[in-house]
Amino acid sequence: MPEIELSAGTVEYEDTGGEGPVVVLLHGLLHDASVWRKVIAGLRDGHRLVAPTLPYGSHRRPMTRPPTPDLVNELIAEFLDRLDLRDVTLVESDCGRAQTVASRHPGRLARLVLISCEAFDNYPPGLPGRMIGAACRIPGGIPLMVRTLGWKPLRRLPVGLGALTRRPVPDEIVDRWLRPLRTDSAIRRDFRHYATHVRRTELLEAAQGLRHFDRPALVVWAVEDRMMPREHGRRLVELLPRGRLAEIRGTRTLIAEDRPERLASLLRWFVAQG
């Protein structure tokens, strides 16, 4: 996997290469770029797909500066600049950093896609978000959380992956996501610092900035999402001057896991609109 040295540390990423339109895929907390594996398979033909693994707890290279949501916003913008990615379709699922990037750094973006994500005051989102925050504040909380999620009979709990998907995520993928937190104290420090430095007004500020994002935008929302209120998708579309809404049934937050073919089809259509 290629990697790039950024101002806060090394970021690994997947890059399919090619001459097609550039689509940058951003994942959420406690996942890595592999959450996009099925969508990448459905979009590879005719697109250049770039998927960084951000310092959200499943990264394998500790950061040289402690990560925060605001720092990750700047890392994403730096990543686009350093790879000289232009006319990018920026896609994000679960987390809300793309909203801030689009508000502050629209220059390299041609389009924006927000997929069932943190927004407005739902930050951290839902019960799982609050549980992660509590685990990061309590001594020994992160190892306990990882052990709980690592025990296969508990993975479908509503405070774990059961809140994110309707269908079980393959065990080898979940193990991949949890391994850095389980095995590396430096990754645990990164994760703790990120989760305890949430600035709760960030996405409210980003929402105001989205009013001025004048490029095409697609909001994709899971009708049965347990973490991201359905009305937030509609509110985001109302803010975006060129926003469109697509709601998908048969999935929760991680549409890339539950309905990857449908999501890939939507992205292919949206990028082709020009």
Protein backbone atom coordinates (compact mmCIF):
# COMPACT_ATOMS: atom_id res chain seq x y z
CA MET A 1 0.00 0.00 0.00
CA PRO A 2 1.46 3.43 -0.89
CA GLU A 3 1.95 6.00 1.84
CA ILE A 4 2.67 9.71 2.03
CA GLU A 5 4.42 11.75 4.71
CA LEU A 6 2.21 14.65 5.76
CA SER A 7 2.82 17.37 8.32
CA ALA A 8 1.27 15.32 11.14
CA GLY A 9 2.58 11.90 10.16
CA THR A 10 2.44 9.15 7.56
CA VAL A 11 -0.87 8.29 5.89
CA GLU A 12 -1.38 5.05 3.98
CA TYR A 13 -3.78 5.05 1.05
CA GLU A 14 -5.14 2.96 -1.77
CA ASP A 15 -4.93 4.32 -5.32
CA THR A 16 -6.32 2.49 -8.33
CA GLY A 17 -4.60 4.88 -10.74
CA GLY A 18 -5.96 5.48 -14.19
CA GLU A 19 -7.05 8.52 -16.17
CA GLY A 20 -10.71 8.70 -15.19
CA PRO A 21 -12.40 11.18 -12.85
CA VAL A 22 -10.80 11.25 -9.40
CA VAL A 23 -12.96 10.01 -6.52
CA VAL A 24 -11.53 10.32 -3.00
CA LEU A 25 -13.21 8.08 -0.44
CA LEU A 26 -13.09 8.95 3.27
CA HIS A 27 -14.05 6.40 5.92
CA GLY A 28 -15.31 6.77 9.49
CA LEU A 29 -14.14 6.12 13.03
CA LEU A 30 -12.68 2.68 13.83
CA HIS A 31 -12.57 1.75 10.13
CA ASP A 32 -9.90 1.98 7.46
CA ALA A 33 -9.97 2.26 3.68
CA SER A 34 -11.09 -1.38 3.40
CA VAL A 35 -14.65 -0.26 4.21
CA TRP A 36 -14.73 0.87 0.56
CA ARG A 37 -13.49 -2.42 -0.92
CA LYS A 38 -16.83 -3.41 -2.53
CA VAL A 39 -17.56 0.10 -3.81
CA ILE A 40 -14.06 0.32 -5.31
CA ALA A 41 -14.67 -2.98 -7.09
CA GLY A 42 -17.86 -1.54 -8.60
CA LEU A 43 -16.30 1.79 -9.64
CA ARG A 44 -12.78 0.81 -10.66
CA ASP A 45 -13.59 0.78 -14.35
CA GLY A 46 -13.41 4.36 -15.64
CA HIS A 47 -12.43 6.13 -12.40
CA ARG A 48 -9.32 6.81 -10.35
CA LEU A 49 -10.22 5.89 -6.78
CA VAL A 50 -8.10 7.12 -3.87
CA ALA A 51 -8.90 5.99 -0.32
CA PRO A 52 -6.68 7.19 2.54
CA THR A 53 -6.65 5.51 5.95
CA LEU A 54 -7.15 8.39 8.37
CA PRO A 55 -5.99 8.41 12.02
CA TYR A 56 -9.30 7.15 13.41
CA GLY A 57 -8.02 4.19 15.40
CA SER A 58 -7.58 1.65 12.60
CA HIS A 59 -4.46 3.33 11.19
CA ARG A 60 -1.19 1.42 11.44
CA ARG A 61 1.29 4.30 11.55
CA PRO A 62 1.05 6.49 14.70
CA MET A 63 0.85 10.20 14.06
CA THR A 64 3.75 12.52 14.89
CA ARG A 65 1.23 15.13 16.11
CA PRO A 66 -1.75 14.06 18.25
CA PRO A 67 -4.78 13.94 15.95
CA THR A 68 -7.93 15.96 16.51
CA PRO A 69 -10.92 16.40 14.21
CA ASP A 70 -9.64 19.84 13.22
CA LEU A 71 -6.20 18.41 12.44
CA VAL A 72 -7.75 15.67 10.31
CA ASN A 73 -9.61 18.35 8.32
CA GLU A 74 -6.28 19.95 7.49
CA LEU A 75 -4.66 16.57 6.76
CA ILE A 76 -7.35 15.80 4.17
CA ALA A 77 -6.76 19.12 2.43
CA GLU A 78 -2.99 18.56 2.59
CA PHE A 79 -3.41 15.05 1.19
CA LEU A 80 -5.28 16.40 -1.85
CA ASP A 81 -2.62 19.06 -2.39
CA ARG A 82 0.40 16.78 -1.98
CA LEU A 83 -0.99 14.22 -4.45
CA ASP A 84 -2.06 17.09 -6.73
CA LEU A 85 -5.57 15.68 -6.99
CA ARG A 86 -7.78 18.05 -8.98
CA ASP A 87 -11.49 18.17 -9.83
CA VAL A 88 -12.05 15.68 -7.04
CA THR A 89 -15.34 14.08 -6.11
CA LEU A 90 -14.92 13.99 -2.33
CA VAL A 91 -16.98 11.21 -0.74
CA GLU A 92 -17.37 10.59 2.99
CA SER A 93 -19.31 8.08 5.05
CA ASP A 94 -20.00 8.12 8.81
CA CYS A 95 -17.69 10.97 9.89
CA GLY A 96 -18.32 14.61 9.04
CA ARG A 97 -14.91 15.99 8.12
CA ALA A 98 -15.73 16.38 4.41
CA GLN A 99 -18.27 19.07 5.32
CA THR A 100 -15.56 21.21 6.89
CA VAL A 101 -13.10 20.49 4.06
CA ALA A 102 -15.71 21.53 1.48
CA SER A 103 -16.43 24.70 3.45
CA ARG A 104 -12.79 25.70 4.02
CA HIS A 105 -10.92 24.17 1.07
CA PRO A 106 -13.24 23.94 -1.93
CA GLY A 107 -10.53 24.69 -4.50
CA ARG A 108 -9.71 21.12 -5.55
CA LEU A 109 -13.27 19.80 -5.31
CA ALA A 110 -15.57 19.33 -8.29
CA ARG A 111 -18.30 17.51 -6.34
CA LEU A 112 -19.21 16.50 -2.81
CA VAL A 113 -20.94 13.32 -1.61
CA LEU A 114 -22.07 12.98 2.02
CA ILE A 115 -23.20 9.51 3.03
CA SER A 116 -25.12 9.00 6.31
CA CYS A 117 -22.72 11.02 8.40
CA GLU A 118 -22.27 13.20 11.45
CA ALA A 119 -23.97 16.55 10.96
CA PHE A 120 -25.23 19.57 12.87
CA ASP A 121 -25.42 18.79 16.60
CA ASN A 122 -25.30 14.98 16.22
CA TYR A 123 -21.62 14.93 17.11
CA PRO A 124 -20.44 12.52 18.44
CA PRO A 125 -23.30 10.57 16.86
CA GLY A 126 -25.78 8.43 18.73
CA LEU A 127 -25.21 6.03 21.58
CA PRO A 128 -22.10 4.42 20.00
CA GLY A 129 -20.48 7.84 19.67
CA ARG A 130 -21.14 8.63 23.31
CA MET A 131 -19.86 5.20 24.35
CA ILE A 132 -16.60 5.76 22.47
CA GLY A 133 -16.19 9.13 24.16
CA ALA A 134 -16.75 7.55 27.57
CA ALA A 135 -14.29 4.72 26.83
CA CYS A 136 -11.62 7.28 25.91
CA ARG A 137 -12.09 9.22 29.13
CA ILE A 138 -12.06 6.26 31.52
CA PRO A 139 -8.71 4.61 32.39
CA GLY A 140 -8.62 1.22 30.71
CA GLY A 141 -11.74 2.05 28.70
CA ILE A 142 -10.24 1.60 25.24
CA PRO A 143 -8.84 -1.91 25.85
CA LEU A 144 -12.20 -2.90 27.34
CA MET A 145 -14.04 -1.52 24.30
CA VAL A 146 -11.72 -3.35 21.92
CA ARG A 147 -12.12 -6.63 23.82
CA THR A 148 -15.90 -6.24 23.72
CA LEU A 149 -15.96 -5.55 19.98
CA GLY A 150 -13.36 -8.26 19.42
CA TRP A 151 -15.55 -10.94 20.96
CA LYS A 152 -17.50 -12.21 17.97
CA PRO A 153 -20.81 -12.97 19.80
CA LEU A 154 -21.00 -9.29 20.86
CA ARG A 155 -20.19 -7.64 17.54
CA ARG A 156 -23.82 -7.19 16.59
CA LEU A 157 -24.73 -5.26 19.74
CA PRO A 158 -26.62 -1.98 19.15
CA VAL A 159 -23.70 -0.07 20.73
CA GLY A 160 -21.25 -1.68 18.29
CA LEU A 161 -21.41 -2.78 14.67
CA GLY A 162 -25.06 -3.66 15.05
CA ALA A 163 -25.80 0.07 15.00
CA LEU A 164 -23.85 0.54 11.78
CA THR A 165 -24.91 -2.33 9.52
CA ARG A 166 -27.86 -4.62 8.96
CA ARG A 167 -25.61 -7.41 7.74
CA PRO A 168 -22.60 -8.77 9.62
CA VAL A 169 -19.25 -7.36 8.53
CA PRO A 170 -16.86 -10.24 7.74
CA ASP A 171 -14.82 -11.18 10.80
CA GLU A 172 -11.53 -10.74 8.98
CA ILE A 173 -12.46 -7.13 8.17
CA VAL A 174 -13.51 -6.34 11.75
CA ASP A 175 -10.31 -7.95 13.03
CA ARG A 176 -8.32 -5.77 10.64
CA TRP A 177 -10.08 -2.64 11.94
CA LEU A 178 -9.48 -3.51 15.60
CA ARG A 179 -5.93 -4.86 15.38
CA PRO A 180 -4.08 -1.51 15.64
CA LEU A 181 -5.96 -0.50 18.80
CA ARG A 182 -5.49 -3.93 20.28
CA THR A 183 -1.75 -4.20 19.61
CA ASP A 184 -0.26 -0.68 19.59
CA SER A 185 -0.33 1.70 22.57
CA ALA A 186 0.63 4.63 20.31
CA ILE A 187 -2.49 4.05 18.19
CA ARG A 188 -4.56 3.96 21.38
CA ARG A 189 -3.05 7.33 22.36
CA ASP A 190 -3.94 8.76 18.94
CA PHE A 191 -7.49 7.47 19.21
CA ARG A 192 -7.95 8.76 22.75
CA HIS A 193 -6.66 12.20 21.79
CA TYR A 194 -8.93 12.41 18.75
CA ALA A 195 -12.06 11.34 20.63
CA THR A 196 -11.44 13.66 23.59
CA HIS A 197 -10.77 16.74 21.45
CA VAL A 198 -14.05 16.94 19.58
CA ARG A 199 -15.06 20.55 19.09
CA ARG A 200 -18.82 20.30 19.25
CA THR A 201 -19.46 23.43 17.19
CA GLU A 202 -17.40 22.22 14.21
CA LEU A 203 -20.21 20.74 12.16
CA LEU A 204 -22.60 23.57 12.98
CA GLU A 205 -19.96 25.93 11.56
CA ALA A 206 -19.45 23.64 8.57
CA ALA A 207 -23.20 23.66 7.89
CA GLN A 208 -23.09 27.43 7.47
CA GLY A 209 -20.15 27.10 5.12
CA LEU A 210 -22.00 24.56 2.97
CA ARG A 211 -24.44 27.32 2.00
CA HIS A 212 -21.64 28.70 -0.19
CA PHE A 213 -20.45 25.40 -1.72
CA ASP A 214 -21.59 26.01 -5.29
CA ARG A 215 -20.54 22.69 -6.85
CA PRO A 216 -22.80 19.65 -7.36
CA ALA A 217 -23.46 17.77 -4.13
CA LEU A 218 -25.15 14.45 -3.45
CA VAL A 219 -26.46 13.46 -0.02
CA VAL A 220 -27.02 9.71 0.35
CA TRP A 221 -28.87 8.59 3.47
CA ALA A 222 -29.83 5.24 4.94
CA VAL A 223 -33.55 5.21 5.67
CA GLU A 224 -33.04 2.79 8.59
CA ASP A 225 -30.01 4.55 10.07
CA ARG A 226 -29.88 4.26 13.86
CA MET A 227 -27.12 6.85 14.39
CA MET A 228 -27.69 9.60 11.84
CA PRO A 229 -31.20 11.13 11.91
CA ARG A 230 -32.98 10.87 8.58
CA GLU A 231 -33.98 14.53 8.71
CA HIS A 232 -30.31 15.52 8.75
CA GLY A 233 -29.91 14.28 5.20
CA ARG A 234 -32.78 16.47 4.09
CA ARG A 235 -31.44 19.47 6.01
CA LEU A 236 -28.03 19.09 4.35
CA VAL A 237 -29.65 19.08 0.91
CA GLU A 238 -31.53 22.27 1.77
CA LEU A 239 -28.26 23.95 2.72
CA LEU A 240 -26.32 22.95 -0.39
CA PRO A 241 -27.10 25.22 -3.36
CA ARG A 242 -26.80 22.32 -5.82
CA GLY A 243 -27.68 19.49 -3.47
CA ARG A 244 -29.60 16.32 -4.34
CA LEU A 245 -30.88 13.63 -2.01
CA ALA A 246 -30.88 9.86 -2.48
CA GLU A 247 -32.33 7.69 0.28
CA ILE A 248 -31.51 3.99 0.39
CA ARG A 249 -33.46 1.23 2.13
CA GLY A 250 -32.10 -2.04 3.44
CA THR A 251 -29.08 -0.48 5.12
CA ARG A 252 -27.85 1.38 8.17
CA THR A 253 -25.00 3.86 8.40
CA LEU A 254 -22.37 1.88 6.49
CA ILE A 255 -24.08 1.73 3.12
CA ALA A 256 -20.74 0.67 1.63
CA GLU A 257 -21.09 -2.58 3.61
CA ASP A 258 -24.84 -3.20 3.31
CA ARG A 259 -25.66 -1.91 -0.20
CA PRO A 260 -22.32 -1.43 -2.03
CA GLU A 261 -23.69 -2.12 -5.50
CA ARG A 262 -26.43 0.48 -5.12
CA LEU A 263 -23.94 3.01 -3.73
CA ALA A 264 -21.44 2.40 -6.52
CA SER A 265 -24.22 2.83 -9.08
CA LEU A 266 -25.25 6.16 -7.52
CA LEU A 267 -21.67 7.43 -7.45
CA ARG A 268 -21.10 6.40 -11.07
CA TRP A 269 -24.25 8.25 -12.13
CA PHE A 270 -23.39 11.36 -10.10
CA VAL A 271 -19.83 11.66 -11.38
CA ALA A 272 -21.04 11.22 -14.96
CA GLN A 273 -23.34 14.26 -14.62
CA GLY A 274 -20.29 16.49 -15.08
